[in-house]
Protein backbone atom coordinates (compact mmCIF):
# COMPACT_ATOMS: atom_id res chain seq x y z
CA MET A 1 56.52 -36.54 61.75
CA SER A 2 54.41 -38.31 59.15
CA ALA A 3 55.55 -39.01 55.62
CA LEU A 4 52.94 -36.55 54.31
CA THR A 5 54.24 -33.77 56.54
CA ALA A 6 57.79 -34.46 55.39
CA GLU A 7 56.64 -34.29 51.74
CA ILE A 8 54.86 -30.99 52.33
CA LEU A 9 57.94 -29.50 54.00
CA ALA A 10 60.18 -30.77 51.20
CA TRP A 11 57.85 -29.27 48.58
CA ARG A 12 57.85 -25.91 50.40
CA ASP A 13 61.64 -25.98 50.40
CA VAL A 14 61.76 -26.66 46.64
CA ARG A 15 59.19 -23.92 45.97
CA ALA A 16 61.10 -21.41 48.08
CA ARG A 17 64.34 -22.22 46.27
CA PHE A 18 62.89 -21.84 42.77
CA ALA A 19 60.30 -19.06 43.37
CA PRO A 20 62.69 -16.25 42.33
CA TYR A 21 62.99 -17.87 38.88
CA ALA A 22 59.23 -18.17 38.27
CA ALA A 23 58.90 -14.85 36.45
CA ILE A 24 61.75 -15.49 34.02
CA PRO A 25 59.52 -17.31 31.47
CA LEU A 26 57.08 -14.38 31.60
CA ARG A 27 59.88 -11.90 31.02
CA LEU A 28 61.26 -13.90 28.09
CA ILE A 29 57.94 -14.46 26.30
CA VAL A 30 56.84 -10.83 26.74
CA GLY A 31 60.24 -9.63 25.51
CA TYR A 32 60.26 -11.99 22.56
CA GLY A 33 56.68 -11.08 21.63
CA PHE A 34 57.34 -7.35 21.65
CA LEU A 35 60.62 -7.71 19.78
CA ALA A 36 59.12 -10.06 17.17
CA HIS A 37 56.22 -7.69 16.45
CA GLY A 38 58.50 -4.67 16.20
CA LEU A 39 60.98 -6.42 13.93
CA ALA A 40 58.16 -7.74 11.72
CA LYS A 41 56.85 -4.23 11.17
CA TRP A 42 60.34 -2.92 10.50
CA SER A 43 61.37 -5.75 8.15
CA LYS A 44 58.25 -5.41 5.99
CA GLY A 45 59.04 -1.73 5.71
CA PRO A 46 57.58 0.87 8.02
CA GLU A 47 55.58 2.31 5.11
CA VAL A 48 53.42 -0.83 5.10
CA PHE A 49 52.53 -0.21 8.74
CA VAL A 50 52.04 3.51 8.02
CA SER A 51 49.44 2.60 5.37
CA ILE A 52 47.64 0.32 7.84
CA LEU A 53 47.55 3.09 10.45
CA HIS A 54 46.37 5.59 7.84
CA ALA A 55 43.59 3.25 6.68
CA THR A 56 42.37 2.80 10.26
CA GLY A 57 42.26 6.55 10.82
CA VAL A 58 45.18 6.86 13.23
CA PRO A 59 46.36 10.48 13.36
CA LEU A 60 49.96 11.19 12.32
CA PRO A 61 50.42 7.68 10.92
CA HIS A 62 54.12 8.17 10.04
CA VAL A 63 54.98 9.32 13.53
CA MET A 64 52.82 6.69 15.20
CA ALA A 65 54.29 3.92 13.06
CA TRP A 66 57.84 4.82 14.09
CA VAL A 67 56.83 5.30 17.74
CA THR A 68 55.16 1.89 17.73
CA ILE A 69 58.08 0.12 16.05
CA ALA A 70 60.65 1.75 18.32
CA THR A 71 58.57 1.02 21.43
CA GLU A 72 58.13 -2.63 20.51
CA ILE A 73 61.83 -3.14 19.73
CA VAL A 74 63.22 -1.21 22.71
CA CYS A 75 60.71 -2.65 25.21
CA GLY A 76 61.20 -6.14 23.76
CA ILE A 77 64.95 -6.01 24.25
CA ALA A 78 64.55 -4.49 27.73
CA PHE A 79 62.14 -7.25 28.81
CA LEU A 80 64.35 -9.97 27.33
CA ILE A 81 67.42 -8.86 29.25
CA GLY A 82 65.48 -7.67 32.28
CA ALA A 83 66.64 -4.07 32.04
CA PHE A 84 64.56 -1.18 33.39
CA VAL A 85 61.47 -3.43 33.40
CA TYR A 86 59.54 -1.12 35.73
CA LEU A 87 60.22 1.85 33.43
CA VAL A 88 59.53 0.19 30.05
CA SER A 89 56.32 -1.30 31.41
CA ILE A 90 54.65 2.09 31.06
CA PRO A 91 55.03 2.61 27.29
CA ALA A 92 54.43 -1.10 26.69
CA ILE A 93 51.09 -1.03 28.53
CA ILE A 94 50.10 2.22 26.80
CA LEU A 95 50.88 0.65 23.41
CA LEU A 96 48.77 -2.40 24.26
CA GLY A 97 45.92 -0.23 25.50
CA VAL A 98 45.94 1.74 22.25
CA ALA A 99 45.95 -1.54 20.28
CA ILE A 100 42.95 -2.79 22.26
CA PHE A 101 40.86 0.33 21.68
CA THR A 102 41.88 1.07 18.09
CA VAL A 103 42.21 -2.41 16.59
CA HIS A 104 41.04 -5.39 18.66
CA LEU A 105 37.98 -4.21 20.62
CA PRO A 106 35.48 -4.57 17.75
CA TYR A 107 36.44 -8.24 17.42
CA GLY A 108 35.56 -9.14 21.01
CA PHE A 109 37.60 -10.90 23.64
CA SER A 110 38.77 -14.11 21.99
CA SER A 111 42.04 -14.12 20.08
CA ILE A 112 41.11 -17.27 18.19
CA LYS A 113 38.12 -17.14 15.86
CA LEU A 114 37.84 -20.19 13.65
CA VAL A 115 36.23 -19.02 10.42
CA SER A 116 36.57 -22.15 8.29
CA VAL A 117 38.68 -25.16 7.48
CA ASN A 118 39.98 -25.44 3.91
CA ASN A 119 41.97 -28.46 2.78
CA GLY A 120 42.53 -29.48 6.38
CA ARG A 121 43.91 -26.06 7.36
CA ALA A 122 42.19 -23.78 9.84
CA GLN A 123 41.40 -20.23 8.72
CA PHE A 124 41.08 -17.66 11.48
CA GLY A 125 39.41 -14.27 11.67
CA PRO A 126 40.81 -11.10 13.23
CA PRO A 127 41.99 -11.45 16.83
CA GLY A 128 40.24 -9.89 19.79
CA TYR A 129 41.91 -8.25 22.77
CA GLU A 130 42.62 -11.42 24.80
CA CYS A 131 46.36 -11.53 24.03
CA ASP A 132 46.74 -7.83 24.72
CA LEU A 133 45.22 -8.36 28.18
CA LEU A 134 47.50 -11.34 28.79
CA TYR A 135 50.53 -9.21 27.87
CA ILE A 136 49.33 -6.44 30.20
CA ALA A 137 48.82 -8.93 33.06
CA CYS A 138 52.33 -10.35 32.55
CA ILE A 139 53.88 -6.89 32.40
CA VAL A 140 52.09 -5.78 35.59
CA ALA A 141 53.26 -8.98 37.31
CA LEU A 142 56.85 -8.39 36.19
CA ALA A 143 56.78 -4.79 37.41
CA LEU A 144 55.37 -5.83 40.79
CA ILE A 145 57.66 -8.84 41.26
CA GLY A 146 60.76 -6.78 40.67
CA PRO A 147 64.14 -7.90 39.36
CA THR A 148 64.44 -11.56 38.45
CA PRO A 149 67.62 -13.62 38.54
CA TRP A 150 69.69 -13.44 35.36
CA SER A 151 68.58 -9.88 34.62
CA VAL A 152 70.25 -6.52 34.22
CA ASP A 153 67.95 -5.09 36.91
CA LYS A 154 69.05 -7.75 39.40
CA TYR A 155 72.70 -7.04 38.58
CA ARG A 156 72.07 -3.31 39.01
CA SER A 157 70.33 -3.86 42.37
CA LEU A 158 73.25 -5.93 43.66
CA HIS A 159 75.84 -3.35 42.57
CA SER A 160 74.21 -0.11 43.65
């Protein structure tokens, strides 16, 4: 066996050993992102978000504000701890789809739009739907991959 063949086999062994852990960073960043956005809306006062929804023509802005905040917080926690990921993926993807079509679509794909630089600081315009699509892709991957190590879902699958 050549040295190259031995290296390839060793690399395959390392990959196989660590592959189950590959989705953990996705789960953590998606969870943190959802939780951070939900808590930001809540901490500024839901009425601020209600006024934004009202100004953009969203029907039932009070109800939709609370549904959005609750969805972001509950889904964020669920993703972070890996609990019911398959189930919470549905409202999370619906929320992102609504955000794409009601807020981000008019601004195009890119999430980063450099408008100007003032005093050495970049000023950015409104974000497009790029990040929403990245979140959706991560959530779909997490739902398809199934329970990851160090998750409630993995614990549940081992004890059912």
